[in-house]
Amino acid sequence: MEELLFTVAKGLVEDKDAVQITVDEPNEEGIIVYHLTVSEEDMGRVIGKQGRIAKAIRVVMRAAAVREGTKVMVEIG
């Protein structure tokens, strides 16, 4: 899952070295939270107009999580 998020994020940004992902332990509801951080200049590329790209990233991650039988949430910041 983390590799999928890395691949998607690195494909969107110019500063590929600034892409960082931290993963929280599953909470009481079993949701794993992925925190994606990119450079300030690339933040607009990851969020997109009206948040469309961010929504698409979350949809892809949720779909992959369903295949693995887990629940995920992606926070971009």
PDB file of N, CA and C in Angstrom:
ATOM      1  N   MET A   1       0.829  -1.193   0.000  1.00  0.00           N
ATOM      2  CA  MET A   1       0.000   0.000   0.000  1.00  0.00           C
ATOM      3  C   MET A   1       0.873   1.257   0.000  1.00  0.00           C
ATOM      4  N   GLU A   2       1.887   1.243   0.834  1.00  0.00           N
ATOM      5  CA  GLU A   2       2.758   2.413   0.913  1.00  0.00           C
ATOM      6  C   GLU A   2       3.493   2.627  -0.415  1.00  0.00           C
ATOM      7  N   GLU A   3       3.888   1.530  -1.063  1.00  0.00           N
ATOM      8  CA  GLU A   3       4.571   1.634  -2.351  1.00  0.00           C
ATOM      9  C   GLU A   3       3.652   2.223  -3.419  1.00  0.00           C
ATOM     10  N   LEU A   4       2.380   1.862  -3.369  1.00  0.00           N
ATOM     11  CA  LEU A   4       1.411   2.404  -4.319  1.00  0.00           C
ATOM     12  C   LEU A   4       1.290   3.914  -4.152  1.00  0.00           C
ATOM     13  N   LEU A   5       1.186   4.376  -2.920  1.00  0.00           N
ATOM     14  CA  LEU A   5       1.081   5.813  -2.656  1.00  0.00           C
ATOM     15  C   LEU A   5       2.354   6.535  -3.100  1.00  0.00           C
ATOM     16  N   PHE A   6       3.533   5.942  -2.832  1.00  0.00           N
ATOM     17  CA  PHE A   6       4.797   6.524  -3.285  1.00  0.00           C
ATOM     18  C   PHE A   6       4.816   6.663  -4.803  1.00  0.00           C
ATOM     19  N   THR A   7       4.410   5.621  -5.500  1.00  0.00           N
ATOM     20  CA  THR A   7       4.437   5.632  -6.954  1.00  0.00           C
ATOM     21  C   THR A   7       3.534   6.716  -7.525  1.00  0.00           C
ATOM     22  N   VAL A   8       2.330   6.814  -6.984  1.00  0.00           N
ATOM     23  CA  VAL A   8       1.388   7.827  -7.461  1.00  0.00           C
ATOM     24  C   VAL A   8       1.916   9.230  -7.175  1.00  0.00           C
ATOM     25  N   ALA A   9       2.397   9.453  -5.955  1.00  0.00           N
ATOM     26  CA  ALA A   9       2.870  10.785  -5.568  1.00  0.00           C
ATOM     27  C   ALA A   9       4.099  11.195  -6.370  1.00  0.00           C
ATOM     28  N   LYS A  10       5.037  10.283  -6.558  1.00  0.00           N
ATOM     29  CA  LYS A  10       6.258  10.623  -7.295  1.00  0.00           C
ATOM     30  C   LYS A  10       5.963  10.917  -8.762  1.00  0.00           C
ATOM     31  N   GLY A  11       4.896  10.349  -9.290  1.00  0.00           N
ATOM     32  CA  GLY A  11       4.513  10.629 -10.661  1.00  0.00           C
ATOM     33  C   GLY A  11       3.928  12.014 -10.842  1.00  0.00           C
ATOM     34  N   LEU A  12       3.469  12.618  -9.754  1.00  0.00           N
ATOM     35  CA  LEU A  12       2.825  13.930  -9.835  1.00  0.00           C
ATOM     36  C   LEU A  12       3.770  15.097  -9.564  1.00  0.00           C
ATOM     37  N   VAL A  13       4.795  14.886  -8.754  1.00  0.00           N
ATOM     38  CA  VAL A  13       5.615  15.998  -8.271  1.00  0.00           C
ATOM     39  C   VAL A  13       6.898  16.153  -9.081  1.00  0.00           C
ATOM     40  N   GLU A  14       7.518  17.336  -8.942  1.00  0.00           N
ATOM     41  CA  GLU A  14       8.814  17.576  -9.573  1.00  0.00           C
ATOM     42  C   GLU A  14       9.955  17.213  -8.629  1.00  0.00           C
ATOM     43  N   ASP A  15       9.806  17.548  -7.337  1.00  0.00           N
ATOM     44  CA  ASP A  15      10.840  17.250  -6.338  1.00  0.00           C
ATOM     45  C   ASP A  15      10.533  15.885  -5.716  1.00  0.00           C
ATOM     46  N   LYS A  16      11.001  14.835  -6.379  1.00  0.00           N
ATOM     47  CA  LYS A  16      10.676  13.475  -5.958  1.00  0.00           C
ATOM     48  C   LYS A  16      11.328  13.097  -4.626  1.00  0.00           C
ATOM     49  N   ASP A  17      12.428  13.757  -4.264  1.00  0.00           N
ATOM     50  CA  ASP A  17      13.108  13.455  -3.002  1.00  0.00           C
ATOM     51  C   ASP A  17      12.333  13.975  -1.799  1.00  0.00           C
ATOM     52  N   ALA A  18      11.436  14.927  -2.004  1.00  0.00           N
ATOM     53  CA  ALA A  18      10.692  15.523  -0.897  1.00  0.00           C
ATOM     54  C   ALA A  18       9.449  14.712  -0.514  1.00  0.00           C
ATOM     55  N   VAL A  19       9.132  13.683  -1.286  1.00  0.00           N
ATOM     56  CA  VAL A  19       7.946  12.870  -0.992  1.00  0.00           C
ATOM     57  C   VAL A  19       8.229  12.016   0.242  1.00  0.00           C
ATOM     58  N   GLN A  20       7.385  12.169   1.257  1.00  0.00           N
ATOM     59  CA  GLN A  20       7.524  11.391   2.482  1.00  0.00           C
ATOM     60  C   GLN A  20       6.168  10.839   2.881  1.00  0.00           C
ATOM     61  N   ILE A  21       6.181   9.603   3.358  1.00  0.00           N
ATOM     62  CA  ILE A  21       4.943   8.972   3.817  1.00  0.00           C
ATOM     63  C   ILE A  21       5.188   8.386   5.191  1.00  0.00           C
ATOM     64  N   THR A  22       4.308   8.717   6.121  1.00  0.00           N
ATOM     65  CA  THR A  22       4.335   8.092   7.440  1.00  0.00           C
ATOM     66  C   THR A  22       3.032   7.325   7.608  1.00  0.00           C
ATOM     67  N   VAL A  23       3.122   6.204   8.287  1.00  0.00           N
ATOM     68  CA  VAL A  23       1.966   5.327   8.448  1.00  0.00           C
ATOM     69  C   VAL A  23       1.674   5.176   9.930  1.00  0.00           C
ATOM     70  N   ASP A  24       0.422   5.429  10.312  1.00  0.00           N
ATOM     71  CA  ASP A  24      -0.008   5.235  11.692  1.00  0.00           C
ATOM     72  C   ASP A  24      -0.469   3.798  11.879  1.00  0.00           C
ATOM     73  N   GLU A  25      -0.412   3.350  13.107  1.00  0.00           N
ATOM     74  CA  GLU A  25      -0.960   2.038  13.445  1.00  0.00           C
ATOM     75  C   GLU A  25      -2.475   2.096  13.284  1.00  0.00           C
ATOM     76  N   PRO A  26      -3.117   0.961  13.001  1.00  0.00           N
ATOM     77  CA  PRO A  26      -4.587   0.968  12.874  1.00  0.00           C
ATOM     78  C   PRO A  26      -5.252   1.479  14.154  1.00  0.00           C
ATOM     79  N   ASN A  27      -6.263   2.341  13.986  1.00  0.00           N
ATOM     80  CA  ASN A  27      -6.967   2.871  15.148  1.00  0.00           C
ATOM     81  C   ASN A  27      -8.011   1.870  15.618  1.00  0.00           C
ATOM     82  N   GLU A  28      -8.865   2.270  16.553  1.00  0.00           N
ATOM     83  CA  GLU A  28      -9.847   1.350  17.125  1.00  0.00           C
ATOM     84  C   GLU A  28     -10.852   0.835  16.096  1.00  0.00           C
ATOM     85  N   GLU A  29     -11.016   1.574  14.994  1.00  0.00           N
ATOM     86  CA  GLU A  29     -11.925   1.133  13.939  1.00  0.00           C
ATOM     87  C   GLU A  29     -11.205   0.314  12.867  1.00  0.00           C
ATOM     88  N   GLY A  30      -9.905   0.126  13.031  1.00  0.00           N
ATOM     89  CA  GLY A  30      -9.122  -0.651  12.076  1.00  0.00           C
ATOM     90  C   GLY A  30      -8.660   0.127  10.859  1.00  0.00           C
ATOM     91  N   ILE A  31      -8.726   1.447  10.929  1.00  0.00           N
ATOM     92  CA  ILE A  31      -8.331   2.291   9.789  1.00  0.00           C
ATOM     93  C   ILE A  31      -6.856   2.655   9.913  1.00  0.00           C
ATOM     94  N   ILE A  32      -6.108   2.414   8.853  1.00  0.00           N
ATOM     95  CA  ILE A  32      -4.689   2.778   8.793  1.00  0.00           C
ATOM     96  C   ILE A  32      -4.600   4.132   8.111  1.00  0.00           C
ATOM     97  N   VAL A  33      -3.933   5.099   8.753  1.00  0.00           N
ATOM     98  CA  VAL A  33      -3.830   6.450   8.208  1.00  0.00           C
ATOM     99  C   VAL A  33      -2.441   6.636   7.598  1.00  0.00           C
ATOM    100  N   TYR A  34      -2.435   7.048   6.329  1.00  0.00           N
ATOM    101  CA  TYR A  34      -1.201   7.371   5.614  1.00  0.00           C
ATOM    102  C   TYR A  34      -1.099   8.885   5.516  1.00  0.00           C
ATOM    103  N   HIS A  35       0.027   9.433   5.969  1.00  0.00           N
ATOM    104  CA  HIS A  35       0.271  10.880   5.908  1.00  0.00           C
ATOM    105  C   HIS A  35       1.265  11.134   4.776  1.00  0.00           C
ATOM    106  N   LEU A  36       0.807  11.827   3.733  1.00  0.00           N
ATOM    107  CA  LEU A  36       1.640  12.141   2.581  1.00  0.00           C
ATOM    108  C   LEU A  36       2.088  13.590   2.676  1.00  0.00           C
ATOM    109  N   THR A  37       3.402  13.811   2.629  1.00  0.00           N
ATOM    110  CA  THR A  37       3.928  15.174   2.614  1.00  0.00           C
ATOM    111  C   THR A  37       4.814  15.341   1.387  1.00  0.00           C
ATOM    112  N   VAL A  38       4.662  16.481   0.731  1.00  0.00           N
ATOM    113  CA  VAL A  38       5.471  16.833  -0.430  1.00  0.00           C
ATOM    114  C   VAL A  38       5.994  18.243  -0.223  1.00  0.00           C
ATOM    115  N   SER A  39       6.859  18.690  -1.111  1.00  0.00           N
ATOM    116  CA  SER A  39       7.394  20.044  -0.980  1.00  0.00           C
ATOM    117  C   SER A  39       6.270  21.063  -1.185  1.00  0.00           C
ATOM    118  N   GLU A  40       6.491  22.254  -0.679  1.00  0.00           N
ATOM    119  CA  GLU A  40       5.480  23.319  -0.754  1.00  0.00           C
ATOM    120  C   GLU A  40       5.124  23.658  -2.195  1.00  0.00           C
ATOM    121  N   GLU A  41       6.124  23.616  -3.084  1.00  0.00           N
ATOM    122  CA  GLU A  41       5.893  23.950  -4.491  1.00  0.00           C
ATOM    123  C   GLU A  41       5.019  22.902  -5.189  1.00  0.00           C
ATOM    124  N   ASP A  42       5.086  21.663  -4.738  1.00  0.00           N
ATOM    125  CA  ASP A  42       4.339  20.575  -5.369  1.00  0.00           C
ATOM    126  C   ASP A  42       2.981  20.311  -4.734  1.00  0.00           C
ATOM    127  N   MET A  43       2.644  21.027  -3.689  1.00  0.00           N
ATOM    128  CA  MET A  43       1.384  20.784  -2.988  1.00  0.00           C
ATOM    129  C   MET A  43       0.185  20.965  -3.926  1.00  0.00           C
ATOM    130  N   GLY A  44       0.224  21.976  -4.775  1.00  0.00           N
ATOM    131  CA  GLY A  44      -0.870  22.214  -5.713  1.00  0.00           C
ATOM    132  C   GLY A  44      -1.030  21.093  -6.721  1.00  0.00           C
ATOM    133  N   ARG A  45       0.076  20.487  -7.115  1.00  0.00           N
ATOM    134  CA  ARG A  45       0.015  19.371  -8.061  1.00  0.00           C
ATOM    135  C   ARG A  45      -0.660  18.157  -7.438  1.00  0.00           C
ATOM    136  N   VAL A  46      -0.416  17.929  -6.161  1.00  0.00           N
ATOM    137  CA  VAL A  46      -0.980  16.755  -5.486  1.00  0.00           C
ATOM    138  C   VAL A  46      -2.451  16.980  -5.149  1.00  0.00           C
ATOM    139  N   ILE A  47      -2.814  18.193  -4.799  1.00  0.00           N
ATOM    140  CA  ILE A  47      -4.205  18.465  -4.438  1.00  0.00           C
ATOM    141  C   ILE A  47      -5.054  18.650  -5.686  1.00  0.00           C
ATOM    142  N   GLY A  48      -4.573  19.388  -6.668  1.00  0.00           N
ATOM    143  CA  GLY A  48      -5.312  19.582  -7.911  1.00  0.00           C
ATOM    144  C   GLY A  48      -6.403  20.624  -7.763  1.00  0.00           C
ATOM    145  N   LYS A  49      -7.031  20.944  -8.893  1.00  0.00           N
ATOM    146  CA  LYS A  49      -8.107  21.932  -8.881  1.00  0.00           C
ATOM    147  C   LYS A  49      -9.302  21.374  -8.131  1.00  0.00           C
ATOM    148  N   GLN A  50      -9.750  22.117  -7.157  1.00  0.00           N
ATOM    149  CA  GLN A  50     -10.883  21.753  -6.304  1.00  0.00           C
ATOM    150  C   GLN A  50     -10.691  20.394  -5.645  1.00  0.00           C
ATOM    151  N   GLY A  51      -9.431  19.983  -5.456  1.00  0.00           N
ATOM    152  CA  GLY A  51      -9.137  18.745  -4.741  1.00  0.00           C
ATOM    153  C   GLY A  51      -9.373  17.484  -5.543  1.00  0.00           C
ATOM    154  N   ARG A  52      -9.472  17.594  -6.847  1.00  0.00           N
ATOM    155  CA  ARG A  52      -9.801  16.424  -7.669  1.00  0.00           C
ATOM    156  C   ARG A  52      -8.713  15.358  -7.633  1.00  0.00           C
ATOM    157  N   ILE A  53      -7.456  15.765  -7.710  1.00  0.00           N
ATOM    158  CA  ILE A  53      -6.369  14.781  -7.705  1.00  0.00           C
ATOM    159  C   ILE A  53      -6.274  14.121  -6.337  1.00  0.00           C
ATOM    160  N   ALA A  54      -6.421  14.904  -5.266  1.00  0.00           N
ATOM    161  CA  ALA A  54      -6.393  14.340  -3.919  1.00  0.00           C
ATOM    162  C   ALA A  54      -7.513  13.315  -3.745  1.00  0.00           C
ATOM    163  N   LYS A  55      -8.695  13.620  -4.246  1.00  0.00           N
ATOM    164  CA  LYS A  55      -9.815  12.676  -4.164  1.00  0.00           C
ATOM    165  C   LYS A  55      -9.495  11.410  -4.938  1.00  0.00           C
ATOM    166  N   ALA A  56      -8.890  11.555  -6.112  1.00  0.00           N
ATOM    167  CA  ALA A  56      -8.546  10.393  -6.933  1.00  0.00           C
ATOM    168  C   ALA A  56      -7.519   9.509  -6.228  1.00  0.00           C
ATOM    169  N   ILE A  57      -6.534  10.133  -5.576  1.00  0.00           N
ATOM    170  CA  ILE A  57      -5.534   9.369  -4.825  1.00  0.00           C
ATOM    171  C   ILE A  57      -6.219   8.573  -3.722  1.00  0.00           C
ATOM    172  N   ARG A  58      -7.141   9.206  -3.019  1.00  0.00           N
ATOM    173  CA  ARG A  58      -7.851   8.520  -1.931  1.00  0.00           C
ATOM    174  C   ARG A  58      -8.699   7.363  -2.460  1.00  0.00           C
ATOM    175  N   VAL A  59      -9.341   7.555  -3.613  1.00  0.00           N
ATOM    176  CA  VAL A  59     -10.164   6.494  -4.203  1.00  0.00           C
ATOM    177  C   VAL A  59      -9.300   5.291  -4.581  1.00  0.00           C
ATOM    178  N   VAL A  60      -8.151   5.549  -5.198  1.00  0.00           N
ATOM    179  CA  VAL A  60      -7.255   4.461  -5.594  1.00  0.00           C
ATOM    180  C   VAL A  60      -6.757   3.704  -4.367  1.00  0.00           C
ATOM    181  N   MET A  61      -6.391   4.438  -3.325  1.00  0.00           N
ATOM    182  CA  MET A  61      -5.895   3.790  -2.106  1.00  0.00           C
ATOM    183  C   MET A  61      -6.997   2.964  -1.443  1.00  0.00           C
ATOM    184  N   ARG A  62      -8.215   3.499  -1.397  1.00  0.00           N
ATOM    185  CA  ARG A  62      -9.327   2.739  -0.802  1.00  0.00           C
ATOM    186  C   ARG A  62      -9.617   1.474  -1.595  1.00  0.00           C
ATOM    187  N   ALA A  63      -9.566   1.571  -2.916  1.00  0.00           N
ATOM    188  CA  ALA A  63      -9.810   0.402  -3.763  1.00  0.00           C
ATOM    189  C   ALA A  63      -8.747  -0.672  -3.532  1.00  0.00           C
ATOM    190  N   ALA A  64      -7.503  -0.266  -3.412  1.00  0.00           N
ATOM    191  CA  ALA A  64      -6.431  -1.225  -3.144  1.00  0.00           C
ATOM    192  C   ALA A  64      -6.589  -1.837  -1.754  1.00  0.00           C
ATOM    193  N   ALA A  65      -7.054  -1.035  -0.802  1.00  0.00           N
ATOM    194  CA  ALA A  65      -7.241  -1.534   0.560  1.00  0.00           C
ATOM    195  C   ALA A  65      -8.354  -2.572   0.616  1.00  0.00           C
ATOM    196  N   VAL A  66      -9.408  -2.360  -0.147  1.00  0.00           N
ATOM    197  CA  VAL A  66     -10.520  -3.317  -0.171  1.00  0.00           C
ATOM    198  C   VAL A  66     -10.028  -4.667  -0.682  1.00  0.00           C
ATOM    199  N   ARG A  67      -9.156  -4.647  -1.670  1.00  0.00           N
ATOM    200  CA  ARG A  67      -8.611  -5.899  -2.200  1.00  0.00           C
ATOM    201  C   ARG A  67      -7.793  -6.635  -1.156  1.00  0.00           C
ATOM    202  N   GLU A  68      -7.173  -5.882  -0.227  1.00  0.00           N
ATOM    203  CA  GLU A  68      -6.370  -6.491   0.836  1.00  0.00           C
ATOM    204  C   GLU A  68      -7.193  -6.747   2.089  1.00  0.00           C
ATOM    205  N   GLY A  69      -8.424  -6.273   2.099  1.00  0.00           N
ATOM    206  CA  GLY A  69      -9.281  -6.479   3.266  1.00  0.00           C
ATOM    207  C   GLY A  69      -8.986  -5.531   4.420  1.00  0.00           C
ATOM    208  N   THR A  70      -8.462  -4.354   4.123  1.00  0.00           N
ATOM    209  CA  THR A  70      -8.170  -3.366   5.156  1.00  0.00           C
ATOM    210  C   THR A  70      -8.907  -2.066   4.851  1.00  0.00           C
ATOM    211  N   LYS A  71      -8.810  -1.122   5.777  1.00  0.00           N
ATOM    212  CA  LYS A  71      -9.375   0.203   5.581  1.00  0.00           C
ATOM    213  C   LYS A  71      -8.259   1.218   5.713  1.00  0.00           C
ATOM    214  N   VAL A  72      -8.220   2.190   4.790  1.00  0.00           N
ATOM    215  CA  VAL A  72      -7.169   3.206   4.824  1.00  0.00           C
ATOM    216  C   VAL A  72      -7.770   4.594   4.684  1.00  0.00           C
ATOM    217  N   MET A  73      -6.975   5.566   5.093  1.00  0.00           N
ATOM    218  CA  MET A  73      -7.307   6.970   4.921  1.00  0.00           C
ATOM    219  C   MET A  73      -6.011   7.691   4.566  1.00  0.00           C
ATOM    220  N   VAL A  74      -6.063   8.620   3.630  1.00  0.00           N
ATOM    221  CA  VAL A  74      -4.886   9.360   3.200  1.00  0.00           C
ATOM    222  C   VAL A  74      -5.046  10.815   3.600  1.00  0.00           C
ATOM    223  N   GLU A  75      -4.068  11.339   4.335  1.00  0.00           N
ATOM    224  CA  GLU A  75      -4.051  12.756   4.690  1.00  0.00           C
ATOM    225  C   GLU A  75      -2.878  13.396   3.956  1.00  0.00           C
ATOM    226  N   ILE A  76      -3.162  14.508   3.297  1.00  0.00           N
ATOM    227  CA  ILE A  76      -2.133  15.204   2.527  1.00  0.00           C
ATOM    228  C   ILE A  76      -1.820  16.511   3.239  1.00  0.00           C
ATOM    229  N   GLY A  77      -0.550  16.728   3.497  1.00  0.00           N
ATOM    230  CA  GLY A  77      -0.197  17.941   4.214  1.00  0.00           C
ATOM    231  C   GLY A  77       1.246  18.240   4.210  1.00  0.00           C
TER     232      GLY A  77
END
